[in-house]
Amino acid sequence: MGSRLNLHKILKAICPNCYFQPPESIKLKYPCIIYNKSYQKITHADNLPYRHDNRYTVTVIDRDPDSTLPDQVAKLKSCNFDRSYATEGLYHTVYVIYY
């Protein structure tokens, strides 16, 4: 699997406003992509870890309910749709990506 910084570059190519685990003090610019590491699967062989698969939760947030950004994220390798919802006039589409 690739590094988090490579994933960041890929997501930033889709949307320039891309944030990794942003603190609450950050004022987000919309549309944006927010992502965070949500799980790490470690595979063992001979009682030693030999593979680490990081799972990231990627949320696309946009004011436009018909935005094409979610479709672009959905095309990424190892990407699965999780859920979508709207709150405070913002449309959220959540994906899970192993990277």
C-alpha atoms as a PDB file:
ATOM      1  CA  MET A   1       0.000   0.000   0.000  1.00  0.00           C
ATOM      2  CA  GLY A   2       1.095   3.576  -0.550  1.00  0.00           C
ATOM      3  CA  SER A   3       1.902   6.255   1.968  1.00  0.00           C
ATOM      4  CA  ARG A   4      -0.585   8.727   3.388  1.00  0.00           C
ATOM      5  CA  LEU A   5       1.217  11.556   1.599  1.00  0.00           C
ATOM      6  CA  ASN A   6       0.649   9.823  -1.753  1.00  0.00           C
ATOM      7  CA  LEU A   7      -3.041   9.485  -0.922  1.00  0.00           C
ATOM      8  CA  HIS A   8      -3.085  13.180  -0.022  1.00  0.00           C
ATOM      9  CA  LYS A   9      -1.654  14.084  -3.450  1.00  0.00           C
ATOM     10  CA  ILE A  10      -4.295  11.960  -5.174  1.00  0.00           C
ATOM     11  CA  LEU A  11      -7.138  13.537  -3.190  1.00  0.00           C
ATOM     12  CA  LYS A  12      -5.717  17.039  -3.659  1.00  0.00           C
ATOM     13  CA  ALA A  13      -5.736  16.479  -7.435  1.00  0.00           C
ATOM     14  CA  ILE A  14      -9.491  15.877  -7.135  1.00  0.00           C
ATOM     15  CA  CYS A  15     -10.132  18.842  -4.829  1.00  0.00           C
ATOM     16  CA  PRO A  16      -7.548  21.471  -3.812  1.00  0.00           C
ATOM     17  CA  ASN A  17      -9.181  21.870  -0.377  1.00  0.00           C
ATOM     18  CA  CYS A  18      -8.013  18.596   1.150  1.00  0.00           C
ATOM     19  CA  TYR A  19      -7.516  18.112   4.890  1.00  0.00           C
ATOM     20  CA  PHE A  20      -6.049  15.246   6.921  1.00  0.00           C
ATOM     21  CA  GLN A  21      -7.591  15.078  10.400  1.00  0.00           C
ATOM     22  CA  PRO A  22      -8.214  18.846  10.580  1.00  0.00           C
ATOM     23  CA  PRO A  23      -8.400  20.346  14.064  1.00  0.00           C
ATOM     24  CA  GLU A  24     -11.583  22.200  14.979  1.00  0.00           C
ATOM     25  CA  SER A  25      -9.670  25.499  14.841  1.00  0.00           C
ATOM     26  CA  ILE A  26      -9.270  25.162  11.037  1.00  0.00           C
ATOM     27  CA  LYS A  27     -11.865  27.006   8.965  1.00  0.00           C
ATOM     28  CA  LEU A  28     -12.771  24.689   6.093  1.00  0.00           C
ATOM     29  CA  LYS A  29     -13.179  25.962   2.534  1.00  0.00           C
ATOM     30  CA  TYR A  30     -15.895  24.226   0.522  1.00  0.00           C
ATOM     31  CA  PRO A  31     -15.973  22.084  -1.474  1.00  0.00           C
ATOM     32  CA  CYS A  32     -13.451  19.989   0.410  1.00  0.00           C
ATOM     33  CA  ILE A  33     -12.254  16.499   1.207  1.00  0.00           C
ATOM     34  CA  ILE A  34     -11.557  15.468   4.777  1.00  0.00           C
ATOM     35  CA  TYR A  35      -9.904  12.149   5.518  1.00  0.00           C
ATOM     36  CA  ASN A  36      -8.539  10.290   8.519  1.00  0.00           C
ATOM     37  CA  LYS A  37      -7.030   6.918   9.279  1.00  0.00           C
ATOM     38  CA  SER A  38      -9.791   4.739  10.683  1.00  0.00           C
ATOM     39  CA  TYR A  39      -8.218   1.291  10.910  1.00  0.00           C
ATOM     40  CA  GLN A  40      -5.002  -0.618  10.330  1.00  0.00           C
ATOM     41  CA  LYS A  41      -5.102  -4.267   9.386  1.00  0.00           C
ATOM     42  CA  ILE A  42      -1.881  -6.066  10.214  1.00  0.00           C
ATOM     43  CA  THR A  43      -1.239  -9.451   8.642  1.00  0.00           C
ATOM     44  CA  HIS A  44       1.219 -11.773  10.366  1.00  0.00           C
ATOM     45  CA  ALA A  45       3.436 -14.593   9.173  1.00  0.00           C
ATOM     46  CA  ASP A  46       5.632 -16.611  11.510  1.00  0.00           C
ATOM     47  CA  ASN A  47       4.287 -14.420  14.333  1.00  0.00           C
ATOM     48  CA  LEU A  48       5.764 -11.311  12.698  1.00  0.00           C
ATOM     49  CA  PRO A  49       3.851  -8.495  10.996  1.00  0.00           C
ATOM     50  CA  TYR A  50       4.609  -8.435   7.292  1.00  0.00           C
ATOM     51  CA  ARG A  51       1.784  -6.367   5.821  1.00  0.00           C
ATOM     52  CA  HIS A  52      -0.012  -3.254   7.032  1.00  0.00           C
ATOM     53  CA  ASP A  53      -3.175  -2.128   5.259  1.00  0.00           C
ATOM     54  CA  ASN A  54      -4.357   1.308   6.315  1.00  0.00           C
ATOM     55  CA  ARG A  55      -8.034   2.138   5.995  1.00  0.00           C
ATOM     56  CA  TYR A  56      -9.036   5.767   5.599  1.00  0.00           C
ATOM     57  CA  THR A  57     -12.439   7.360   5.920  1.00  0.00           C
ATOM     58  CA  VAL A  58     -12.764   9.972   3.169  1.00  0.00           C
ATOM     59  CA  THR A  59     -15.578  12.524   3.327  1.00  0.00           C
ATOM     60  CA  VAL A  60     -16.435  14.791   0.416  1.00  0.00           C
ATOM     61  CA  ILE A  61     -18.295  17.924   1.543  1.00  0.00           C
ATOM     62  CA  ASP A  62     -19.938  20.281  -0.920  1.00  0.00           C
ATOM     63  CA  ARG A  63     -22.768  22.813  -1.024  1.00  0.00           C
ATOM     64  CA  ASP A  64     -23.872  21.376  -4.388  1.00  0.00           C
ATOM     65  CA  PRO A  65     -26.011  18.211  -4.048  1.00  0.00           C
ATOM     66  CA  ASP A  66     -25.083  17.265  -7.640  1.00  0.00           C
ATOM     67  CA  SER A  67     -21.324  17.720  -7.239  1.00  0.00           C
ATOM     68  CA  THR A  68     -19.069  15.496  -9.359  1.00  0.00           C
ATOM     69  CA  LEU A  69     -16.406  15.267  -6.636  1.00  0.00           C
ATOM     70  CA  PRO A  70     -17.936  12.164  -4.996  1.00  0.00           C
ATOM     71  CA  ASP A  71     -17.945  10.381  -8.362  1.00  0.00           C
ATOM     72  CA  GLN A  72     -14.263  11.165  -8.823  1.00  0.00           C
ATOM     73  CA  VAL A  73     -13.388   9.780  -5.378  1.00  0.00           C
ATOM     74  CA  ALA A  74     -15.540   6.690  -6.009  1.00  0.00           C
ATOM     75  CA  LYS A  75     -13.333   5.814  -8.999  1.00  0.00           C
ATOM     76  CA  LEU A  76     -10.214   5.446  -6.832  1.00  0.00           C
ATOM     77  CA  LYS A  77      -8.732   1.994  -6.342  1.00  0.00           C
ATOM     78  CA  SER A  78      -9.960   0.125  -3.230  1.00  0.00           C
ATOM     79  CA  CYS A  79     -12.700   2.693  -2.635  1.00  0.00           C
ATOM     80  CA  ASN A  80     -16.106   1.717  -1.241  1.00  0.00           C
ATOM     81  CA  PHE A  81     -19.153   3.894  -0.621  1.00  0.00           C
ATOM     82  CA  ASP A  82     -20.118   4.098   3.062  1.00  0.00           C
ATOM     83  CA  ARG A  83     -22.962   6.628   3.416  1.00  0.00           C
ATOM     84  CA  SER A  84     -24.206  10.091   2.511  1.00  0.00           C
ATOM     85  CA  TYR A  85     -26.052  12.722   4.489  1.00  0.00           C
ATOM     86  CA  ALA A  86     -26.855  16.432   4.519  1.00  0.00           C
ATOM     87  CA  THR A  87     -26.468  18.826   7.410  1.00  0.00           C
ATOM     88  CA  GLU A  88     -26.519  22.623   7.671  1.00  0.00           C
ATOM     89  CA  GLY A  89     -26.825  22.997   3.899  1.00  0.00           C
ATOM     90  CA  LEU A  90     -23.744  20.844   3.215  1.00  0.00           C
ATOM     91  CA  TYR A  91     -23.835  17.500   1.443  1.00  0.00           C
ATOM     92  CA  HIS A  92     -21.498  14.821   2.795  1.00  0.00           C
ATOM     93  CA  THR A  93     -20.522  11.661   0.926  1.00  0.00           C
ATOM     94  CA  VAL A  94     -18.397   9.193   2.891  1.00  0.00           C
ATOM     95  CA  TYR A  95     -16.118   6.535   1.432  1.00  0.00           C
ATOM     96  CA  VAL A  96     -13.714   3.967   2.839  1.00  0.00           C
ATOM     97  CA  ILE A  97     -10.381   3.579   1.058  1.00  0.00           C
ATOM     98  CA  TYR A  98      -7.631   1.076   1.751  1.00  0.00           C
ATOM     99  CA  TYR A  99      -4.343   2.692   0.854  1.00  0.00           C
END
